[in-house]
Amino acid sequence: MNIDTIRIFCDVVQHQSFSRGATVNDVSQSAATQSVHRVERHFGVQLIDRSKRPFVLTPEGRTCYEGFREVLDLYDAVEARVRSLRQEIGGLVRVAAIYSIGLHEMARCMQDFMRKYPKTKVRLEYLRPNKVYDAVLNAEVDLGVVSYPATTPDLGVIPLRSEKMVMVCHPEHVLARQTAVTAEHLQGEDFIGFDRNLNIRKEIDRYLRQRSVHVQVVMEFDNIETIKQAIGIGAGVSILPEPTVREETKNELLSAVRLIAPELHRPIGIIHRERKVFAPTVGKFIELLQEIGAGE
């Protein structure tokens, strides 16, 4: 077995798909299948149970996957260190981010990074918050970008920025004429909320509850884009991070009003496995994320 075979096996398992595992490695699906067969022949045991859809790992397969992930992390770190000795930054950075971080922002970061370091590649996935944490803990990605990042015994946090929250409504809503609002202005309003299990929903609920403000939650969604669409048809108001509605307010599709007395902020940070030694390439990507965050 060589390192490419190990990497393809891990990507097939990570994506639970031979075709996706092949795509991220720029090989054919047949080549990805052969790589998995090669690993199974090497150990003389079935590693993937293909009788289920999607397939599942056998106990031996799970052991191989977890061990191979450690091997790949070590190999990539050694390769990056060797490159750094030649002042050459190269290799792959794997990142998972929540949807509301913004496609435009992350795309700009990726483009800037690969322009500055042409021998690098960034693989970005957008996932639900709990899936971002799982991907980091399972070593499927190097970094996770989340809101309200939580430090645990297994996870470390690198703060990025704090986003100001604003009251968002339809441009014809009566509150759109205000230059600033307090939580009390929202008393009794139809409200478009986040799903109850999301941290941003818990923080907004706490903010309103501390001020004895009761809103009428008429809709609940798990992502900001759908909430913005609901506001756009006049279904209600919401509280959202200001950067996520800049484009809509610029084009006068939505109105964003300052939330004061007190303000509310959403922290954004990078999560990573605790005690993880960053390869120089990953370290440079973190630096760029911090630079962009400081400019917000």
C-alpha atoms as a PDB file:
ATOM      1  CA  MET A   1       0.000   0.000   0.000  1.00  0.00           C
ATOM      2  CA  ASN A   2       1.087   3.572  -0.627  1.00  0.00           C
ATOM      3  CA  ILE A   3      -0.061   6.849   0.894  1.00  0.00           C
ATOM      4  CA  ASP A   4      -2.440   7.584  -2.003  1.00  0.00           C
ATOM      5  CA  THR A   5      -4.250   4.283  -1.441  1.00  0.00           C
ATOM      6  CA  ILE A   6      -4.640   5.082   2.249  1.00  0.00           C
ATOM      7  CA  ARG A   7      -5.913   8.579   1.471  1.00  0.00           C
ATOM      8  CA  ILE A   8      -8.492   7.329  -1.028  1.00  0.00           C
ATOM      9  CA  PHE A   9      -9.706   4.700   1.435  1.00  0.00           C
ATOM     10  CA  CYS A  10     -10.176   7.376   4.132  1.00  0.00           C
ATOM     11  CA  ASP A  11     -11.980   9.749   1.777  1.00  0.00           C
ATOM     12  CA  VAL A  12     -14.336   7.010   0.587  1.00  0.00           C
ATOM     13  CA  VAL A  13     -15.161   6.255   4.219  1.00  0.00           C
ATOM     14  CA  GLN A  14     -15.461   9.914   5.216  1.00  0.00           C
ATOM     15  CA  HIS A  15     -17.937  10.681   2.428  1.00  0.00           C
ATOM     16  CA  GLN A  16     -19.612   7.246   2.590  1.00  0.00           C
ATOM     17  CA  SER A  17     -19.365   7.221  -1.176  1.00  0.00           C
ATOM     18  CA  PHE A  18     -16.961   5.671  -3.659  1.00  0.00           C
ATOM     19  CA  SER A  19     -17.804   8.327  -6.247  1.00  0.00           C
ATOM     20  CA  ARG A  20     -17.201  11.281  -3.903  1.00  0.00           C
ATOM     21  CA  GLY A  21     -14.045   9.688  -2.546  1.00  0.00           C
ATOM     22  CA  ALA A  22     -12.841   9.366  -6.124  1.00  0.00           C
ATOM     23  CA  THR A  23     -13.762  12.951  -7.013  1.00  0.00           C
ATOM     24  CA  VAL A  24     -11.825  14.597  -4.171  1.00  0.00           C
ATOM     25  CA  ASN A  25      -8.746  12.611  -5.200  1.00  0.00           C
ATOM     26  CA  ASP A  26      -9.129  13.274  -8.936  1.00  0.00           C
ATOM     27  CA  VAL A  27      -9.357   9.571  -9.809  1.00  0.00           C
ATOM     28  CA  SER A  28     -12.058   7.415 -11.388  1.00  0.00           C
ATOM     29  CA  GLN A  29     -14.643   5.607  -9.291  1.00  0.00           C
ATOM     30  CA  SER A  30     -13.130   2.351 -10.507  1.00  0.00           C
ATOM     31  CA  ALA A  31      -9.723   3.437  -9.187  1.00  0.00           C
ATOM     32  CA  ALA A  32     -11.260   4.306  -5.813  1.00  0.00           C
ATOM     33  CA  THR A  33     -12.936   0.900  -5.645  1.00  0.00           C
ATOM     34  CA  GLN A  34      -9.647  -0.807  -6.491  1.00  0.00           C
ATOM     35  CA  SER A  35      -7.881   1.146  -3.737  1.00  0.00           C
ATOM     36  CA  VAL A  36     -10.375  -0.107  -1.150  1.00  0.00           C
ATOM     37  CA  HIS A  37     -10.011  -3.667  -2.472  1.00  0.00           C
ATOM     38  CA  ARG A  38      -6.231  -3.298  -2.195  1.00  0.00           C
ATOM     39  CA  VAL A  39      -6.477  -2.394   1.492  1.00  0.00           C
ATOM     40  CA  GLU A  40      -8.875  -5.291   2.136  1.00  0.00           C
ATOM     41  CA  ARG A  41      -6.556  -7.738   0.385  1.00  0.00           C
ATOM     42  CA  HIS A  42      -3.627  -6.439   2.403  1.00  0.00           C
ATOM     43  CA  PHE A  43      -5.380  -7.219   5.697  1.00  0.00           C
ATOM     44  CA  GLY A  44      -7.254 -10.234   4.371  1.00  0.00           C
ATOM     45  CA  VAL A  45     -10.552  -9.050   5.824  1.00  0.00           C
ATOM     46  CA  GLN A  46     -13.645  -7.148   4.731  1.00  0.00           C
ATOM     47  CA  LEU A  47     -13.459  -3.520   5.831  1.00  0.00           C
ATOM     48  CA  ILE A  48     -16.634  -2.135   4.247  1.00  0.00           C
ATOM     49  CA  ASP A  49     -20.048  -3.800   4.384  1.00  0.00           C
ATOM     50  CA  ARG A  50     -21.469  -2.958   0.960  1.00  0.00           C
ATOM     51  CA  SER A  51     -24.763  -4.787   1.589  1.00  0.00           C
ATOM     52  CA  LYS A  52     -26.141  -1.694   3.369  1.00  0.00           C
ATOM     53  CA  ARG A  53     -27.024   1.652   1.809  1.00  0.00           C
ATOM     54  CA  PRO A  54     -25.126   3.743   2.582  1.00  0.00           C
ATOM     55  CA  PHE A  55     -22.352   1.279   3.312  1.00  0.00           C
ATOM     56  CA  VAL A  56     -21.019   0.839   6.859  1.00  0.00           C
ATOM     57  CA  LEU A  57     -17.612  -0.049   8.229  1.00  0.00           C
ATOM     58  CA  THR A  58     -16.934  -3.405   9.780  1.00  0.00           C
ATOM     59  CA  PRO A  59     -15.161  -3.316  13.182  1.00  0.00           C
ATOM     60  CA  GLU A  60     -11.889  -3.974  11.344  1.00  0.00           C
ATOM     61  CA  GLY A  61     -12.733  -1.181   8.911  1.00  0.00           C
ATOM     62  CA  ARG A  62     -13.336   1.290  11.728  1.00  0.00           C
ATOM     63  CA  THR A  63      -9.962   0.393  13.266  1.00  0.00           C
ATOM     64  CA  CYS A  64      -8.238   0.864   9.907  1.00  0.00           C
ATOM     65  CA  TYR A  65      -9.937   4.187   9.274  1.00  0.00           C
ATOM     66  CA  GLU A  66      -9.056   5.650  12.664  1.00  0.00           C
ATOM     67  CA  GLY A  67      -5.452   4.474  12.400  1.00  0.00           C
ATOM     68  CA  PHE A  68      -5.053   5.618   8.798  1.00  0.00           C
ATOM     69  CA  ARG A  69      -6.357   9.083   9.706  1.00  0.00           C
ATOM     70  CA  GLU A  70      -3.532   9.400  12.238  1.00  0.00           C
ATOM     71  CA  VAL A  71      -1.039   8.191   9.622  1.00  0.00           C
ATOM     72  CA  LEU A  72      -2.265  10.794   7.116  1.00  0.00           C
ATOM     73  CA  ASP A  73      -2.132  13.587   9.672  1.00  0.00           C
ATOM     74  CA  LEU A  74       1.462  12.676  10.510  1.00  0.00           C
ATOM     75  CA  TYR A  75       2.455  12.288   6.842  1.00  0.00           C
ATOM     76  CA  ASP A  76       0.894  15.632   5.848  1.00  0.00           C
ATOM     77  CA  ALA A  77       2.551  17.385   8.785  1.00  0.00           C
ATOM     78  CA  VAL A  78       5.991  15.953   7.902  1.00  0.00           C
ATOM     79  CA  GLU A  79       5.554  16.875   4.244  1.00  0.00           C
ATOM     80  CA  ALA A  80       4.522  20.418   5.166  1.00  0.00           C
ATOM     81  CA  ARG A  81       7.477  20.825   7.544  1.00  0.00           C
ATOM     82  CA  VAL A  82       9.914  19.704   4.848  1.00  0.00           C
ATOM     83  CA  ARG A  83       8.372  22.186   2.427  1.00  0.00           C
ATOM     84  CA  SER A  84       8.574  24.940   5.036  1.00  0.00           C
ATOM     85  CA  LEU A  85      12.310  24.342   5.427  1.00  0.00           C
ATOM     86  CA  ARG A  86      12.586  25.284   1.783  1.00  0.00           C
ATOM     87  CA  GLN A  87      10.281  28.222   2.489  1.00  0.00           C
ATOM     88  CA  GLU A  88       7.678  26.460   0.388  1.00  0.00           C
ATOM     89  CA  ILE A  89       4.110  26.242   1.688  1.00  0.00           C
ATOM     90  CA  GLY A  90       2.117  23.481   0.038  1.00  0.00           C
ATOM     91  CA  GLY A  91      -0.321  20.670   0.643  1.00  0.00           C
ATOM     92  CA  LEU A  92      -3.974  20.310   1.560  1.00  0.00           C
ATOM     93  CA  VAL A  93      -5.982  22.193   4.189  1.00  0.00           C
ATOM     94  CA  ARG A  94      -9.330  20.607   5.087  1.00  0.00           C
ATOM     95  CA  VAL A  95     -11.941  22.969   6.515  1.00  0.00           C
ATOM     96  CA  ALA A  96     -15.559  22.551   7.628  1.00  0.00           C
ATOM     97  CA  ALA A  97     -17.705  25.638   8.245  1.00  0.00           C
ATOM     98  CA  ILE A  98     -21.265  26.363   9.250  1.00  0.00           C
ATOM     99  CA  TYR A  99     -23.438  27.688   6.423  1.00  0.00           C
ATOM    100  CA  SER A 100     -23.896  31.158   7.905  1.00  0.00           C
ATOM    101  CA  ILE A 101     -20.163  31.919   7.805  1.00  0.00           C
ATOM    102  CA  GLY A 102     -20.857  32.833   4.213  1.00  0.00           C
ATOM    103  CA  LEU A 103     -19.881  31.332   0.897  1.00  0.00           C
ATOM    104  CA  HIS A 104     -18.520  34.662  -0.339  1.00  0.00           C
ATOM    105  CA  GLU A 105     -16.273  35.179   2.688  1.00  0.00           C
ATOM    106  CA  MET A 106     -14.809  31.664   2.676  1.00  0.00           C
ATOM    107  CA  ALA A 107     -14.410  31.651  -1.107  1.00  0.00           C
ATOM    108  CA  ARG A 108     -12.437  34.908  -0.878  1.00  0.00           C
ATOM    109  CA  CYS A 109     -10.242  33.447   1.846  1.00  0.00           C
ATOM    110  CA  MET A 110      -9.574  30.301  -0.193  1.00  0.00           C
ATOM    111  CA  GLN A 111      -8.749  32.291  -3.332  1.00  0.00           C
ATOM    112  CA  ASP A 112      -6.420  34.632  -1.457  1.00  0.00           C
ATOM    113  CA  PHE A 113      -4.673  31.708   0.207  1.00  0.00           C
ATOM    114  CA  MET A 114      -4.142  29.676  -2.972  1.00  0.00           C
ATOM    115  CA  ARG A 115      -3.026  32.807  -4.830  1.00  0.00           C
ATOM    116  CA  LYS A 116      -0.441  33.504  -2.150  1.00  0.00           C
ATOM    117  CA  TYR A 117       0.591  29.837  -1.882  1.00  0.00           C
ATOM    118  CA  PRO A 118      -0.001  28.286  -5.323  1.00  0.00           C
ATOM    119  CA  LYS A 119       1.128  24.818  -4.215  1.00  0.00           C
ATOM    120  CA  THR A 120      -1.699  24.562  -1.680  1.00  0.00           C
ATOM    121  CA  LYS A 121      -5.245  23.309  -1.994  1.00  0.00           C
ATOM    122  CA  VAL A 122      -8.167  24.046   0.326  1.00  0.00           C
ATOM    123  CA  ARG A 123     -11.023  21.570   0.655  1.00  0.00           C
ATOM    124  CA  LEU A 124     -14.081  23.271   2.151  1.00  0.00           C
ATOM    125  CA  GLU A 125     -17.331  21.691   3.336  1.00  0.00           C
ATOM    126  CA  TYR A 126     -20.427  23.430   4.691  1.00  0.00           C
ATOM    127  CA  LEU A 127     -22.114  21.458   7.473  1.00  0.00           C
ATOM    128  CA  ARG A 128     -24.549  21.824  10.350  1.00  0.00           C
ATOM    129  CA  PRO A 129     -22.798  22.881  13.582  1.00  0.00           C
ATOM    130  CA  ASN A 130     -22.883  19.433  15.199  1.00  0.00           C
ATOM    131  CA  LYS A 131     -21.449  17.897  12.027  1.00  0.00           C
ATOM    132  CA  VAL A 132     -18.584  20.413  12.039  1.00  0.00           C
ATOM    133  CA  TYR A 133     -17.686  19.322  15.585  1.00  0.00           C
ATOM    134  CA  ASP A 134     -17.891  15.655  14.561  1.00  0.00           C
ATOM    135  CA  ALA A 135     -15.666  16.232  11.521  1.00  0.00           C
ATOM    136  CA  VAL A 136     -12.991  17.908  13.665  1.00  0.00           C
ATOM    137  CA  LEU A 137     -13.121  15.280  16.410  1.00  0.00           C
ATOM    138  CA  ASN A 138     -12.956  12.445  13.853  1.00  0.00           C
ATOM    139  CA  ALA A 139      -9.950  14.061  12.113  1.00  0.00           C
ATOM    140  CA  GLU A 140     -11.933  14.359   8.890  1.00  0.00           C
ATOM    141  CA  VAL A 141     -10.932  18.036   8.695  1.00  0.00           C
ATOM    142  CA  ASP A 142      -8.094  20.103  10.104  1.00  0.00           C
ATOM    143  CA  LEU A 143     -10.223  23.066  11.179  1.00  0.00           C
ATOM    144  CA  GLY A 144     -13.836  23.917  11.880  1.00  0.00           C
ATOM    145  CA  VAL A 145     -15.268  27.443  11.652  1.00  0.00           C
ATOM    146  CA  VAL A 146     -18.315  27.855  13.897  1.00  0.00           C
ATOM    147  CA  SER A 147     -20.294  30.378  15.898  1.00  0.00           C
ATOM    148  CA  TYR A 148     -20.316  30.233  19.702  1.00  0.00           C
ATOM    149  CA  PRO A 149     -17.272  27.903  19.651  1.00  0.00           C
ATOM    150  CA  ALA A 150     -17.087  25.600  22.662  1.00  0.00           C
ATOM    151  CA  THR A 151     -13.860  24.458  24.280  1.00  0.00           C
ATOM    152  CA  THR A 152     -13.876  20.847  25.502  1.00  0.00           C
ATOM    153  CA  PRO A 153     -11.171  18.487  26.789  1.00  0.00           C
ATOM    154  CA  ASP A 154     -10.768  17.294  23.188  1.00  0.00           C
ATOM    155  CA  LEU A 155     -11.188  20.611  21.369  1.00  0.00           C
ATOM    156  CA  GLY A 156      -9.330  23.896  21.377  1.00  0.00           C
ATOM    157  CA  VAL A 157     -10.684  27.253  20.173  1.00  0.00           C
ATOM    158  CA  ILE A 158      -9.000  30.093  18.294  1.00  0.00           C
ATOM    159  CA  PRO A 159     -11.173  33.259  18.417  1.00  0.00           C
ATOM    160  CA  LEU A 160     -11.730  34.978  15.068  1.00  0.00           C
ATOM    161  CA  ARG A 161     -14.183  37.848  15.515  1.00  0.00           C
ATOM    162  CA  SER A 162     -17.384  39.034  17.116  1.00  0.00           C
ATOM    163  CA  GLU A 163     -20.297  39.872  14.810  1.00  0.00           C
ATOM    164  CA  LYS A 164     -22.841  42.507  15.835  1.00  0.00           C
ATOM    165  CA  MET A 165     -26.448  41.282  15.740  1.00  0.00           C
ATOM    166  CA  VAL A 166     -29.165  43.442  14.205  1.00  0.00           C
ATOM    167  CA  MET A 167     -32.962  43.429  14.010  1.00  0.00           C
ATOM    168  CA  VAL A 168     -33.933  42.503  10.454  1.00  0.00           C
ATOM    169  CA  CYS A 169     -37.338  43.216   8.899  1.00  0.00           C
ATOM    170  CA  HIS A 170     -39.104  43.884   5.612  1.00  0.00           C
ATOM    171  CA  PRO A 171     -38.347  47.425   4.305  1.00  0.00           C
ATOM    172  CA  GLU A 172     -42.040  48.354   4.695  1.00  0.00           C
ATOM    173  CA  HIS A 173     -42.248  47.156   8.311  1.00  0.00           C
ATOM    174  CA  VAL A 174     -42.905  49.921  10.830  1.00  0.00           C
ATOM    175  CA  LEU A 175     -39.609  49.191  12.639  1.00  0.00           C
ATOM    176  CA  ALA A 176     -37.636  49.743   9.440  1.00  0.00           C
ATOM    177  CA  ARG A 177     -37.975  53.497  10.010  1.00  0.00           C
ATOM    178  CA  GLN A 178     -36.100  53.329  13.319  1.00  0.00           C
ATOM    179  CA  THR A 179     -32.403  54.162  13.515  1.00  0.00           C
ATOM    180  CA  ALA A 180     -32.008  51.781  16.470  1.00  0.00           C
ATOM    181  CA  VAL A 181     -34.248  49.451  18.486  1.00  0.00           C
ATOM    182  CA  THR A 182     -34.147  47.758  21.857  1.00  0.00           C
ATOM    183  CA  ALA A 183     -35.447  44.301  22.658  1.00  0.00           C
ATOM    184  CA  GLU A 184     -38.618  45.934  23.969  1.00  0.00           C
ATOM    185  CA  HIS A 185     -39.507  47.133  20.465  1.00  0.00           C
ATOM    186  CA  LEU A 186     -39.994  43.471  19.514  1.00  0.00           C
ATOM    187  CA  GLN A 187     -42.687  42.795  22.131  1.00  0.00           C
ATOM    188  CA  GLY A 188     -45.501  40.795  20.493  1.00  0.00           C
ATOM    189  CA  GLU A 189     -43.904  40.828  17.033  1.00  0.00           C
ATOM    190  CA  ASP A 190     -44.167  37.854  14.670  1.00  0.00           C
ATOM    191  CA  PHE A 191     -40.671  36.405  14.851  1.00  0.00           C
ATOM    192  CA  ILE A 192     -38.699  34.137  12.490  1.00  0.00           C
ATOM    193  CA  GLY A 193     -36.445  32.052  14.706  1.00  0.00           C
ATOM    194  CA  PHE A 194     -33.663  29.533  14.413  1.00  0.00           C
ATOM    195  CA  ASP A 195     -34.226  25.897  15.325  1.00  0.00           C
ATOM    196  CA  ARG A 196     -34.349  25.477  19.091  1.00  0.00           C
ATOM    197  CA  ASN A 197     -31.285  23.217  19.255  1.00  0.00           C
ATOM    198  CA  LEU A 198     -28.940  25.828  17.722  1.00  0.00           C
ATOM    199  CA  ASN A 199     -26.742  27.954  19.976  1.00  0.00           C
ATOM    200  CA  ILE A 200     -27.712  31.161  18.206  1.00  0.00           C
ATOM    201  CA  ARG A 201     -31.376  30.476  19.030  1.00  0.00           C
ATOM    202  CA  LYS A 202     -30.533  29.833  22.680  1.00  0.00           C
ATOM    203  CA  GLU A 203     -28.605  33.102  22.916  1.00  0.00           C
ATOM    204  CA  ILE A 204     -31.402  35.131  21.285  1.00  0.00           C
ATOM    205  CA  ASP A 205     -34.000  33.511  23.558  1.00  0.00           C
ATOM    206  CA  ARG A 206     -31.861  34.343  26.592  1.00  0.00           C
ATOM    207  CA  TYR A 207     -31.431  37.933  25.402  1.00  0.00           C
ATOM    208  CA  LEU A 208     -35.198  38.421  25.061  1.00  0.00           C
ATOM    209  CA  ARG A 209     -36.053  36.535  28.244  1.00  0.00           C
ATOM    210  CA  GLN A 210     -33.690  38.660  30.352  1.00  0.00           C
ATOM    211  CA  ARG A 211     -35.689  41.704  29.212  1.00  0.00           C
ATOM    212  CA  SER A 212     -39.089  40.026  29.704  1.00  0.00           C
ATOM    213  CA  VAL A 213     -39.821  40.396  25.991  1.00  0.00           C
ATOM    214  CA  HIS A 214     -42.208  37.892  24.417  1.00  0.00           C
ATOM    215  CA  VAL A 215     -42.308  37.420  20.653  1.00  0.00           C
ATOM    216  CA  GLN A 216     -44.608  35.252  18.541  1.00  0.00           C
ATOM    217  CA  VAL A 217     -42.376  32.644  16.913  1.00  0.00           C
ATOM    218  CA  VAL A 218     -44.225  31.911  13.676  1.00  0.00           C
ATOM    219  CA  MET A 219     -41.475  30.008  11.841  1.00  0.00           C
ATOM    220  CA  GLU A 220     -38.253  28.199  12.759  1.00  0.00           C
ATOM    221  CA  PHE A 221     -35.422  27.326  10.392  1.00  0.00           C
ATOM    222  CA  ASP A 222     -31.954  25.833  10.667  1.00  0.00           C
ATOM    223  CA  ASN A 223     -30.207  28.361   8.415  1.00  0.00           C
ATOM    224  CA  ILE A 224     -29.987  32.106   7.874  1.00  0.00           C
ATOM    225  CA  GLU A 225     -30.753  32.060   4.147  1.00  0.00           C
ATOM    226  CA  THR A 226     -34.228  30.620   4.698  1.00  0.00           C
ATOM    227  CA  ILE A 227     -34.884  33.055   7.547  1.00  0.00           C
ATOM    228  CA  LYS A 228     -33.991  35.953   5.233  1.00  0.00           C
ATOM    229  CA  GLN A 229     -36.392  34.654   2.603  1.00  0.00           C
ATOM    230  CA  ALA A 230     -39.204  34.484   5.169  1.00  0.00           C
ATOM    231  CA  ILE A 231     -38.495  38.058   6.285  1.00  0.00           C
ATOM    232  CA  GLY A 232     -38.464  39.123   2.645  1.00  0.00           C
ATOM    233  CA  ILE A 233     -42.065  38.007   2.147  1.00  0.00           C
ATOM    234  CA  GLY A 234     -43.160  39.854   5.281  1.00  0.00           C
ATOM    235  CA  ALA A 235     -43.662  36.815   7.506  1.00  0.00           C
ATOM    236  CA  GLY A 236     -42.016  38.465  10.508  1.00  0.00           C
ATOM    237  CA  VAL A 237     -38.844  39.987  11.926  1.00  0.00           C
ATOM    238  CA  SER A 238     -35.698  38.353  13.249  1.00  0.00           C
ATOM    239  CA  ILE A 239     -32.339  38.991  14.887  1.00  0.00           C
ATOM    240  CA  LEU A 240     -29.391  38.090  12.650  1.00  0.00           C
ATOM    241  CA  PRO A 241     -25.623  38.737  12.412  1.00  0.00           C
ATOM    242  CA  GLU A 242     -25.088  42.004  10.540  1.00  0.00           C
ATOM    243  CA  PRO A 243     -22.536  40.642   8.018  1.00  0.00           C
ATOM    244  CA  THR A 244     -25.047  38.046   6.798  1.00  0.00           C
ATOM    245  CA  VAL A 245     -27.544  40.692   5.592  1.00  0.00           C
ATOM    246  CA  ARG A 246     -25.232  43.316   4.097  1.00  0.00           C
ATOM    247  CA  GLU A 247     -26.002  42.401   0.512  1.00  0.00           C
ATOM    248  CA  GLU A 248     -29.773  42.406   1.056  1.00  0.00           C
ATOM    249  CA  THR A 249     -29.749  45.727   2.903  1.00  0.00           C
ATOM    250  CA  LYS A 250     -27.523  47.264   0.240  1.00  0.00           C
ATOM    251  CA  ASN A 251     -30.064  46.232  -2.412  1.00  0.00           C
ATOM    252  CA  GLU A 252     -32.965  47.355  -0.169  1.00  0.00           C
ATOM    253  CA  LEU A 253     -34.466  43.875  -0.056  1.00  0.00           C
ATOM    254  CA  LEU A 254     -34.305  43.858   3.748  1.00  0.00           C
ATOM    255  CA  SER A 255     -33.836  46.457   6.458  1.00  0.00           C
ATOM    256  CA  ALA A 256     -31.321  46.009   9.264  1.00  0.00           C
ATOM    257  CA  VAL A 257     -31.709  48.162  12.382  1.00  0.00           C
ATOM    258  CA  ARG A 258     -29.135  48.516  15.160  1.00  0.00           C
ATOM    259  CA  LEU A 259     -29.954  46.563  18.289  1.00  0.00           C
ATOM    260  CA  ILE A 260     -28.993  48.505  21.414  1.00  0.00           C
ATOM    261  CA  ALA A 261     -29.305  48.679  25.212  1.00  0.00           C
ATOM    262  CA  PRO A 262     -27.452  46.363  25.224  1.00  0.00           C
ATOM    263  CA  GLU A 263     -25.962  45.150  21.966  1.00  0.00           C
ATOM    264  CA  LEU A 264     -25.888  41.455  21.122  1.00  0.00           C
ATOM    265  CA  HIS A 265     -22.924  39.769  19.437  1.00  0.00           C
ATOM    266  CA  ARG A 266     -22.221  36.409  17.816  1.00  0.00           C
ATOM    267  CA  PRO A 267     -18.674  35.100  18.399  1.00  0.00           C
ATOM    268  CA  ILE A 268     -16.974  33.253  15.540  1.00  0.00           C
ATOM    269  CA  GLY A 269     -14.007  30.972  16.096  1.00  0.00           C
ATOM    270  CA  ILE A 270     -11.910  28.108  14.799  1.00  0.00           C
ATOM    271  CA  ILE A 271     -12.163  24.747  16.532  1.00  0.00           C
ATOM    272  CA  HIS A 272      -9.429  22.126  16.294  1.00  0.00           C
ATOM    273  CA  ARG A 273      -8.428  18.946  18.042  1.00  0.00           C
ATOM    274  CA  GLU A 274      -6.691  19.717  21.308  1.00  0.00           C
ATOM    275  CA  ARG A 275      -2.925  19.093  21.302  1.00  0.00           C
ATOM    276  CA  LYS A 276      -2.946  19.029  17.501  1.00  0.00           C
ATOM    277  CA  VAL A 277       0.342  20.210  16.013  1.00  0.00           C
ATOM    278  CA  PHE A 278      -0.541  22.352  13.019  1.00  0.00           C
ATOM    279  CA  ALA A 279       1.324  21.785   9.798  1.00  0.00           C
ATOM    280  CA  PRO A 280       2.810  25.062   8.509  1.00  0.00           C
ATOM    281  CA  THR A 281       0.230  25.160   5.702  1.00  0.00           C
ATOM    282  CA  VAL A 282      -2.658  24.932   8.170  1.00  0.00           C
ATOM    283  CA  GLY A 283      -0.989  27.554  10.348  1.00  0.00           C
ATOM    284  CA  LYS A 284      -0.774  29.967   7.416  1.00  0.00           C
ATOM    285  CA  PHE A 285      -4.456  29.409   6.625  1.00  0.00           C
ATOM    286  CA  ILE A 286      -5.365  30.221  10.233  1.00  0.00           C
ATOM    287  CA  GLU A 287      -3.327  33.423   9.991  1.00  0.00           C
ATOM    288  CA  LEU A 288      -5.256  34.467   6.887  1.00  0.00           C
ATOM    289  CA  LEU A 289      -8.609  33.752   8.549  1.00  0.00           C
ATOM    290  CA  GLN A 290      -7.526  35.899  11.504  1.00  0.00           C
ATOM    291  CA  GLU A 291      -6.472  38.737   9.179  1.00  0.00           C
ATOM    292  CA  ILE A 292      -9.843  38.683   7.432  1.00  0.00           C
ATOM    293  CA  GLY A 293     -11.646  38.471  10.769  1.00  0.00           C
ATOM    294  CA  ALA A 294      -9.742  41.480  12.100  1.00  0.00           C
ATOM    295  CA  GLY A 295     -10.815  43.480   9.072  1.00  0.00           C
ATOM    296  CA  GLU A 296     -14.519  42.861   9.608  1.00  0.00           C
END
